[in-house]
């Protein structure tokens, strides 16, 4: 095994994320990443041919964590309401717990980063839409959720929470995502609730 192969990509990614958080993507050079990780040029470029590839790795990691979190909550949800509310609480907590990674993910991604993230970026998003869209459709068919196109449902559901998280990450809001999660979940549920009461609502009125 060569010296370059002995250096783990995770070690480089951690150093890169710290620098991106401090200086931004445009303000970080691969030389700075190399020094922060304490590795040689050969080791760095063996794993990440460019700064865009390094940022793409981080973006894909963050996106994967968020999407897996949504799937996990929905799989455990006993009702549409529990799923809608639970996802907002889960995602709000993730943003606070992974603020540096969320800042990169929620920021304006340069074209070179998006290009470096393909084809996995598109494939992961397609699987996410299929999985989550299937869950939403099943509950809409039962009358638990409104019948809306996936982009509209997703925007009503997670759009406000993502915007508040973005404001907090940019230092333009003092309200942490977790603090606002319950109110955001209430708004999302009111926007998406169907005509048939969910199990949670039925239990509450019994």
Foldseek 3Di string as FASTA:
>chain_A
DDPLVVDDLVLLLVLLLVCCLVQNLVRDAVVSSCVSSVHDPSSSCVQPVGSLLSLLVLLVVVVVVLLVQLLVQLVPDPKPLSSLLVSLLSVLVVCVVPVSSLQSNLDDDDPSNVVSNPPVVVVVVVVSCVRVVVSLVVNVVVQQWPDDPPVVLCCLRCVVLSVVSNCVSVVNDPQRSNNCSNVSSVRSSVVIGGDDDMPVVVVVVD
